[in-house]
Amino acid sequence: MFPVMIGTIVIAGIVGYASERTGFTRNGILPSIIICVGGAFLAYFVRLMFGIGFGSPGLNAIASSIGALIIVPTHWRKR
């Protein structure tokens, strides 16, 4: 259970970094990583409590990270 959580965090961080470097988001590297890790934690605990998710934990982490980046568009906020 603990290695799955660590892997989820690592995969979410990689997705957040890659999305920022490729231009998918314009939030900044650290905010994108934080958003992805939050979404991945949420999906991890939903999978743990209810069993809802895709087949593998890695696919859950990738899908939830991308979903969190789409749902939380911080680049539209006024500064």
PDB file of N, CA and C in Angstrom:
ATOM      1  N   MET A   1       0.823  -1.184   0.000  1.00  0.00           N
ATOM      2  CA  MET A   1       0.000   0.000   0.000  1.00  0.00           C
ATOM      3  C   MET A   1       0.871   1.252   0.000  1.00  0.00           C
ATOM      4  N   PHE A   2       1.923   1.297   0.795  1.00  0.00           N
ATOM      5  CA  PHE A   2       2.792   2.462   0.861  1.00  0.00           C
ATOM      6  C   PHE A   2       3.577   2.679  -0.435  1.00  0.00           C
ATOM      7  N   PRO A   3       4.140   1.626  -1.055  1.00  0.00           N
ATOM      8  CA  PRO A   3       4.826   1.846  -2.340  1.00  0.00           C
ATOM      9  C   PRO A   3       3.891   2.350  -3.436  1.00  0.00           C
ATOM     10  N   VAL A   4       2.633   1.961  -3.402  1.00  0.00           N
ATOM     11  CA  VAL A   4       1.675   2.451  -4.389  1.00  0.00           C
ATOM     12  C   VAL A   4       1.448   3.944  -4.207  1.00  0.00           C
ATOM     13  N   MET A   5       1.377   4.389  -2.952  1.00  0.00           N
ATOM     14  CA  MET A   5       1.182   5.818  -2.688  1.00  0.00           C
ATOM     15  C   MET A   5       2.396   6.629  -3.133  1.00  0.00           C
ATOM     16  N   ILE A   6       3.591   6.133  -2.863  1.00  0.00           N
ATOM     17  CA  ILE A   6       4.807   6.824  -3.295  1.00  0.00           C
ATOM     18  C   ILE A   6       4.879   6.868  -4.826  1.00  0.00           C
ATOM     19  N   GLY A   7       4.539   5.782  -5.477  1.00  0.00           N
ATOM     20  CA  GLY A   7       4.526   5.752  -6.933  1.00  0.00           C
ATOM     21  C   GLY A   7       3.498   6.710  -7.511  1.00  0.00           C
ATOM     22  N   THR A   8       2.356   6.824  -6.855  1.00  0.00           N
ATOM     23  CA  THR A   8       1.330   7.768  -7.289  1.00  0.00           C
ATOM     24  C   THR A   8       1.842   9.195  -7.218  1.00  0.00           C
ATOM     25  N   ILE A   9       2.542   9.535  -6.153  1.00  0.00           N
ATOM     26  CA  ILE A   9       3.095  10.881  -5.990  1.00  0.00           C
ATOM     27  C   ILE A   9       4.145  11.152  -7.066  1.00  0.00           C
ATOM     28  N   VAL A  10       5.002  10.194  -7.315  1.00  0.00           N
ATOM     29  CA  VAL A  10       6.058  10.373  -8.314  1.00  0.00           C
ATOM     30  C   VAL A  10       5.460  10.539  -9.713  1.00  0.00           C
ATOM     31  N   ILE A  11       4.510   9.697 -10.066  1.00  0.00           N
ATOM     32  CA  ILE A  11       3.881   9.790 -11.380  1.00  0.00           C
ATOM     33  C   ILE A  11       3.148  11.116 -11.528  1.00  0.00           C
ATOM     34  N   ALA A  12       2.445  11.549 -10.495  1.00  0.00           N
ATOM     35  CA  ALA A  12       1.735  12.826 -10.555  1.00  0.00           C
ATOM     36  C   ALA A  12       2.711  13.988 -10.710  1.00  0.00           C
ATOM     37  N   GLY A  13       3.836  13.934 -10.029  1.00  0.00           N
ATOM     38  CA  GLY A  13       4.843  14.981 -10.168  1.00  0.00           C
ATOM     39  C   GLY A  13       5.414  15.036 -11.566  1.00  0.00           C
ATOM     40  N   ILE A  14       5.656  13.873 -12.150  1.00  0.00           N
ATOM     41  CA  ILE A  14       6.178  13.817 -13.514  1.00  0.00           C
ATOM     42  C   ILE A  14       5.154  14.366 -14.507  1.00  0.00           C
ATOM     43  N   VAL A  15       3.890  14.023 -14.325  1.00  0.00           N
ATOM     44  CA  VAL A  15       2.838  14.527 -15.214  1.00  0.00           C
ATOM     45  C   VAL A  15       2.721  16.047 -15.084  1.00  0.00           C
ATOM     46  N   GLY A  16       2.790  16.558 -13.866  1.00  0.00           N
ATOM     47  CA  GLY A  16       2.716  18.007 -13.660  1.00  0.00           C
ATOM     48  C   GLY A  16       3.873  18.738 -14.295  1.00  0.00           C
ATOM     49  N   TYR A  17       5.061  18.207 -14.137  1.00  0.00           N
ATOM     50  CA  TYR A  17       6.247  18.822 -14.734  1.00  0.00           C
ATOM     51  C   TYR A  17       6.184  18.760 -16.260  1.00  0.00           C
ATOM     52  N   ALA A  18       5.824  17.601 -16.780  1.00  0.00           N
ATOM     53  CA  ALA A  18       5.765  17.435 -18.236  1.00  0.00           C
ATOM     54  C   ALA A  18       4.681  18.316 -18.862  1.00  0.00           C
ATOM     55  N   SER A  19       3.555  18.452 -18.183  1.00  0.00           N
ATOM     56  CA  SER A  19       2.489  19.284 -18.739  1.00  0.00           C
ATOM     57  C   SER A  19       2.903  20.748 -18.797  1.00  0.00           C
ATOM     58  N   GLU A  20       3.695  21.178 -17.844  1.00  0.00           N
ATOM     59  CA  GLU A  20       4.164  22.556 -17.847  1.00  0.00           C
ATOM     60  C   GLU A  20       5.246  22.772 -18.905  1.00  0.00           C
ATOM     61  N   ARG A  21       6.132  21.818 -19.047  1.00  0.00           N
ATOM     62  CA  ARG A  21       7.218  21.967 -20.020  1.00  0.00           C
ATOM     63  C   ARG A  21       6.733  21.863 -21.467  1.00  0.00           C
ATOM     64  N   THR A  22       5.675  21.101 -21.710  1.00  0.00           N
ATOM     65  CA  THR A  22       5.166  20.962 -23.069  1.00  0.00           C
ATOM     66  C   THR A  22       4.216  22.080 -23.460  1.00  0.00           C
ATOM     67  N   GLY A  23       3.794  22.892 -22.516  1.00  0.00           N
ATOM     68  CA  GLY A  23       2.891  23.991 -22.809  1.00  0.00           C
ATOM     69  C   GLY A  23       1.424  23.641 -22.667  1.00  0.00           C
ATOM     70  N   PHE A  24       1.096  22.483 -22.103  1.00  0.00           N
ATOM     71  CA  PHE A  24      -0.297  22.098 -21.871  1.00  0.00           C
ATOM     72  C   PHE A  24      -0.948  23.035 -20.862  1.00  0.00           C
ATOM     73  N   THR A  25      -0.190  23.475 -19.872  1.00  0.00           N
ATOM     74  CA  THR A  25      -0.672  24.440 -18.883  1.00  0.00           C
ATOM     75  C   THR A  25       0.302  25.604 -18.804  1.00  0.00           C
ATOM     76  N   ARG A  26      -0.175  26.684 -18.211  1.00  0.00           N
ATOM     77  CA  ARG A  26       0.671  27.856 -17.991  1.00  0.00           C
ATOM     78  C   ARG A  26       0.576  28.299 -16.540  1.00  0.00           C
ATOM     79  N   ASN A  27       0.563  27.370 -15.627  1.00  0.00           N
ATOM     80  CA  ASN A  27       0.416  27.676 -14.212  1.00  0.00           C
ATOM     81  C   ASN A  27       1.742  27.968 -13.534  1.00  0.00           C
ATOM     82  N   GLY A  28       2.807  27.432 -14.020  1.00  0.00           N
ATOM     83  CA  GLY A  28       4.084  27.412 -13.330  1.00  0.00           C
ATOM     84  C   GLY A  28       4.367  25.968 -12.948  1.00  0.00           C
ATOM     85  N   ILE A  29       5.623  25.642 -12.798  1.00  0.00           N
ATOM     86  CA  ILE A  29       5.987  24.246 -12.545  1.00  0.00           C
ATOM     87  C   ILE A  29       5.484  23.771 -11.185  1.00  0.00           C
ATOM     88  N   LEU A  30       5.758  24.534 -10.143  1.00  0.00           N
ATOM     89  CA  LEU A  30       5.345  24.105  -8.796  1.00  0.00           C
ATOM     90  C   LEU A  30       3.825  24.035  -8.633  1.00  0.00           C
ATOM     91  N   PRO A  31       3.057  25.048  -9.075  1.00  0.00           N
ATOM     92  CA  PRO A  31       1.601  24.901  -8.965  1.00  0.00           C
ATOM     93  C   PRO A  31       1.041  23.717  -9.743  1.00  0.00           C
ATOM     94  N   SER A  32       1.598  23.440 -10.925  1.00  0.00           N
ATOM     95  CA  SER A  32       1.118  22.293 -11.699  1.00  0.00           C
ATOM     96  C   SER A  32       1.397  20.980 -10.979  1.00  0.00           C
ATOM     97  N   ILE A  33       2.575  20.873 -10.376  1.00  0.00           N
ATOM     98  CA  ILE A  33       2.905  19.654  -9.628  1.00  0.00           C
ATOM     99  C   ILE A  33       1.986  19.508  -8.420  1.00  0.00           C
ATOM    100  N   ILE A  34       1.719  20.606  -7.716  1.00  0.00           N
ATOM    101  CA  ILE A  34       0.835  20.552  -6.538  1.00  0.00           C
ATOM    102  C   ILE A  34      -0.578  20.152  -6.947  1.00  0.00           C
ATOM    103  N   ILE A  35      -1.075  20.708  -8.052  1.00  0.00           N
ATOM    104  CA  ILE A  35      -2.413  20.352  -8.534  1.00  0.00           C
ATOM    105  C   ILE A  35      -2.473  18.869  -8.900  1.00  0.00           C
ATOM    106  N   CYS A  36      -1.451  18.379  -9.584  1.00  0.00           N
ATOM    107  CA  CYS A  36      -1.431  16.969  -9.989  1.00  0.00           C
ATOM    108  C   CYS A  36      -1.354  16.031  -8.790  1.00  0.00           C
ATOM    109  N   VAL A  37      -0.526  16.364  -7.822  1.00  0.00           N
ATOM    110  CA  VAL A  37      -0.399  15.513  -6.630  1.00  0.00           C
ATOM    111  C   VAL A  37      -1.707  15.499  -5.843  1.00  0.00           C
ATOM    112  N   GLY A  38      -2.379  16.639  -5.758  1.00  0.00           N
ATOM    113  CA  GLY A  38      -3.680  16.680  -5.074  1.00  0.00           C
ATOM    114  C   GLY A  38      -4.718  15.818  -5.764  1.00  0.00           C
ATOM    115  N   GLY A  39      -4.776  15.910  -7.081  1.00  0.00           N
ATOM    116  CA  GLY A  39      -5.720  15.073  -7.827  1.00  0.00           C
ATOM    117  C   GLY A  39      -5.399  13.596  -7.714  1.00  0.00           C
ATOM    118  N   ALA A  40      -4.113  13.274  -7.720  1.00  0.00           N
ATOM    119  CA  ALA A  40      -3.718  11.867  -7.607  1.00  0.00           C
ATOM    120  C   ALA A  40      -4.016  11.311  -6.213  1.00  0.00           C
ATOM    121  N   PHE A  41      -3.803  12.127  -5.171  1.00  0.00           N
ATOM    122  CA  PHE A  41      -4.164  11.699  -3.814  1.00  0.00           C
ATOM    123  C   PHE A  41      -5.656  11.437  -3.706  1.00  0.00           C
ATOM    124  N   LEU A  42      -6.443  12.323  -4.276  1.00  0.00           N
ATOM    125  CA  LEU A  42      -7.889  12.144  -4.237  1.00  0.00           C
ATOM    126  C   LEU A  42      -8.295  10.842  -4.916  1.00  0.00           C
ATOM    127  N   ALA A  43      -7.751  10.589  -6.091  1.00  0.00           N
ATOM    128  CA  ALA A  43      -8.077   9.347  -6.803  1.00  0.00           C
ATOM    129  C   ALA A  43      -7.568   8.118  -6.056  1.00  0.00           C
ATOM    130  N   TYR A  44      -6.395   8.241  -5.419  1.00  0.00           N
ATOM    131  CA  TYR A  44      -5.842   7.117  -4.665  1.00  0.00           C
ATOM    132  C   TYR A  44      -6.762   6.743  -3.503  1.00  0.00           C
ATOM    133  N   PHE A  45      -7.230   7.745  -2.776  1.00  0.00           N
ATOM    134  CA  PHE A  45      -8.077   7.447  -1.624  1.00  0.00           C
ATOM    135  C   PHE A  45      -9.479   7.013  -2.041  1.00  0.00           C
ATOM    136  N   VAL A  46      -9.983   7.517  -3.159  1.00  0.00           N
ATOM    137  CA  VAL A  46     -11.270   7.035  -3.674  1.00  0.00           C
ATOM    138  C   VAL A  46     -11.138   5.569  -4.071  1.00  0.00           C
ATOM    139  N   ARG A  47     -10.013   5.223  -4.693  1.00  0.00           N
ATOM    140  CA  ARG A  47      -9.770   3.817  -5.062  1.00  0.00           C
ATOM    141  C   ARG A  47      -9.672   2.940  -3.815  1.00  0.00           C
ATOM    142  N   LEU A  48      -9.012   3.458  -2.796  1.00  0.00           N
ATOM    143  CA  LEU A  48      -8.835   2.693  -1.562  1.00  0.00           C
ATOM    144  C   LEU A  48     -10.166   2.481  -0.841  1.00  0.00           C
ATOM    145  N   MET A  49     -10.985   3.533  -0.763  1.00  0.00           N
ATOM    146  CA  MET A  49     -12.233   3.451   0.003  1.00  0.00           C
ATOM    147  C   MET A  49     -13.357   2.754  -0.762  1.00  0.00           C
ATOM    148  N   PHE A  50     -13.498   3.070  -2.048  1.00  0.00           N
ATOM    149  CA  PHE A  50     -14.656   2.595  -2.782  1.00  0.00           C
ATOM    150  C   PHE A  50     -14.336   1.601  -3.896  1.00  0.00           C
ATOM    151  N   GLY A  51     -13.070   1.480  -4.270  1.00  0.00           N
ATOM    152  CA  GLY A  51     -12.697   0.569  -5.338  1.00  0.00           C
ATOM    153  C   GLY A  51     -13.023   1.090  -6.723  1.00  0.00           C
ATOM    154  N   ILE A  52     -13.263   2.404  -6.834  1.00  0.00           N
ATOM    155  CA  ILE A  52     -13.593   2.998  -8.130  1.00  0.00           C
ATOM    156  C   ILE A  52     -12.307   3.477  -8.786  1.00  0.00           C
ATOM    157  N   GLY A  53     -12.071   3.057 -10.010  1.00  0.00           N
ATOM    158  CA  GLY A  53     -10.885   3.512 -10.726  1.00  0.00           C
ATOM    159  C   GLY A  53     -10.603   2.610 -11.905  1.00  0.00           C
ATOM    160  N   PHE A  54      -9.495   2.889 -12.565  1.00  0.00           N
ATOM    161  CA  PHE A  54      -9.058   2.063 -13.680  1.00  0.00           C
ATOM    162  C   PHE A  54      -8.331   0.843 -13.130  1.00  0.00           C
ATOM    163  N   GLY A  55      -7.818   0.026 -13.998  1.00  0.00           N
ATOM    164  CA  GLY A  55      -7.192  -1.219 -13.570  1.00  0.00           C
ATOM    165  C   GLY A  55      -5.938  -1.050 -12.740  1.00  0.00           C
ATOM    166  N   SER A  56      -5.006  -0.241 -13.206  1.00  0.00           N
ATOM    167  CA  SER A  56      -3.728  -0.141 -12.514  1.00  0.00           C
ATOM    168  C   SER A  56      -3.611   1.189 -11.768  1.00  0.00           C
ATOM    169  N   PRO A  57      -2.856   1.201 -10.672  1.00  0.00           N
ATOM    170  CA  PRO A  57      -2.666   2.447  -9.928  1.00  0.00           C
ATOM    171  C   PRO A  57      -1.940   3.520 -10.743  1.00  0.00           C
ATOM    172  N   GLY A  58      -1.048   3.121 -11.626  1.00  0.00           N
ATOM    173  CA  GLY A  58      -0.340   4.093 -12.462  1.00  0.00           C
ATOM    174  C   GLY A  58      -1.274   4.806 -13.427  1.00  0.00           C
ATOM    175  N   LEU A  59      -2.185   4.061 -14.012  1.00  0.00           N
ATOM    176  CA  LEU A  59      -3.161   4.663 -14.917  1.00  0.00           C
ATOM    177  C   LEU A  59      -4.104   5.587 -14.153  1.00  0.00           C
ATOM    178  N   ASN A  60      -4.458   5.206 -12.935  1.00  0.00           N
ATOM    179  CA  ASN A  60      -5.266   6.088 -12.087  1.00  0.00           C
ATOM    180  C   ASN A  60      -4.533   7.392 -11.811  1.00  0.00           C
ATOM    181  N   ALA A  61      -3.242   7.321 -11.514  1.00  0.00           N
ATOM    182  CA  ALA A  61      -2.463   8.522 -11.208  1.00  0.00           C
ATOM    183  C   ALA A  61      -2.369   9.438 -12.421  1.00  0.00           C
ATOM    184  N   ILE A  62      -2.136   8.873 -13.598  1.00  0.00           N
ATOM    185  CA  ILE A  62      -2.023   9.688 -14.807  1.00  0.00           C
ATOM    186  C   ILE A  62      -3.357  10.345 -15.146  1.00  0.00           C
ATOM    187  N   ALA A  63      -4.423   9.570 -15.127  1.00  0.00           N
ATOM    188  CA  ALA A  63      -5.740  10.111 -15.482  1.00  0.00           C
ATOM    189  C   ALA A  63      -6.202  11.172 -14.489  1.00  0.00           C
ATOM    190  N   SER A  64      -5.993  10.934 -13.203  1.00  0.00           N
ATOM    191  CA  SER A  64      -6.441  11.908 -12.207  1.00  0.00           C
ATOM    192  C   SER A  64      -5.585  13.169 -12.235  1.00  0.00           C
ATOM    193  N   SER A  65      -4.307  13.058 -12.549  1.00  0.00           N
ATOM    194  CA  SER A  65      -3.448  14.234 -12.645  1.00  0.00           C
ATOM    195  C   SER A  65      -3.864  15.115 -13.817  1.00  0.00           C
ATOM    196  N   ILE A  66      -4.112  14.503 -14.952  1.00  0.00           N
ATOM    197  CA  ILE A  66      -4.548  15.275 -16.119  1.00  0.00           C
ATOM    198  C   ILE A  66      -5.928  15.874 -15.862  1.00  0.00           C
ATOM    199  N   GLY A  67      -6.801  15.122 -15.229  1.00  0.00           N
ATOM    200  CA  GLY A  67      -8.124  15.648 -14.895  1.00  0.00           C
ATOM    201  C   GLY A  67      -8.059  16.830 -13.946  1.00  0.00           C
ATOM    202  N   ALA A  68      -7.172  16.766 -12.966  1.00  0.00           N
ATOM    203  CA  ALA A  68      -7.033  17.882 -12.029  1.00  0.00           C
ATOM    204  C   ALA A  68      -6.485  19.110 -12.737  1.00  0.00           C
ATOM    205  N   LEU A  69      -5.574  18.921 -13.678  1.00  0.00           N
ATOM    206  CA  LEU A  69      -5.046  20.071 -14.426  1.00  0.00           C
ATOM    207  C   LEU A  69      -6.118  20.711 -15.298  1.00  0.00           C
ATOM    208  N   ILE A  70      -7.040  19.920 -15.789  1.00  0.00           N
ATOM    209  CA  ILE A  70      -8.119  20.469 -16.613  1.00  0.00           C
ATOM    210  C   ILE A  70      -9.155  21.182 -15.745  1.00  0.00           C
ATOM    211  N   ILE A  71      -9.444  20.630 -14.576  1.00  0.00           N
ATOM    212  CA  ILE A  71     -10.476  21.196 -13.705  1.00  0.00           C
ATOM    213  C   ILE A  71     -10.016  22.481 -13.029  1.00  0.00           C
ATOM    214  N   VAL A  72      -8.756  22.588 -12.672  1.00  0.00           N
ATOM    215  CA  VAL A  72      -8.254  23.734 -11.927  1.00  0.00           C
ATOM    216  C   VAL A  72      -7.422  24.623 -12.860  1.00  0.00           C
ATOM    217  N   PRO A  73      -8.072  25.513 -13.593  1.00  0.00           N
ATOM    218  CA  PRO A  73      -7.322  26.375 -14.518  1.00  0.00           C
ATOM    219  C   PRO A  73      -6.841  27.659 -13.838  1.00  0.00           C
ATOM    220  N   THR A  74      -5.716  27.597 -13.191  1.00  0.00           N
ATOM    221  CA  THR A  74      -5.242  28.771 -12.456  1.00  0.00           C
ATOM    222  C   THR A  74      -4.722  29.863 -13.365  1.00  0.00           C
ATOM    223  N   HIS A  75      -4.444  29.585 -14.633  1.00  0.00           N
ATOM    224  CA  HIS A  75      -3.950  30.628 -15.518  1.00  0.00           C
ATOM    225  C   HIS A  75      -5.023  31.634 -15.907  1.00  0.00           C
ATOM    226  N   TRP A  76      -6.299  31.357 -15.618  1.00  0.00           N
ATOM    227  CA  TRP A  76      -7.379  32.303 -15.920  1.00  0.00           C
ATOM    228  C   TRP A  76      -7.605  33.274 -14.774  1.00  0.00           C
ATOM    229  N   ARG A  77      -7.025  33.042 -13.625  1.00  0.00           N
ATOM    230  CA  ARG A  77      -7.214  33.925 -12.479  1.00  0.00           C
ATOM    231  C   ARG A  77      -6.518  35.254 -12.720  1.00  0.00           C
ATOM    232  N   LYS A  78      -7.130  36.301 -12.218  1.00  0.00           N
ATOM    233  CA  LYS A  78      -6.506  37.613 -12.329  1.00  0.00           C
ATOM    234  C   LYS A  78      -5.447  37.759 -11.255  1.00  0.00           C
ATOM    235  N   ARG A  79      -4.392  38.446 -11.565  1.00  0.00           N
ATOM    236  CA  ARG A  79      -3.298  38.602 -10.603  1.00  0.00           C
ATOM    237  C   ARG A  79      -3.408  39.892  -9.867  1.00  0.00           C
TER     238      ARG A  79
END
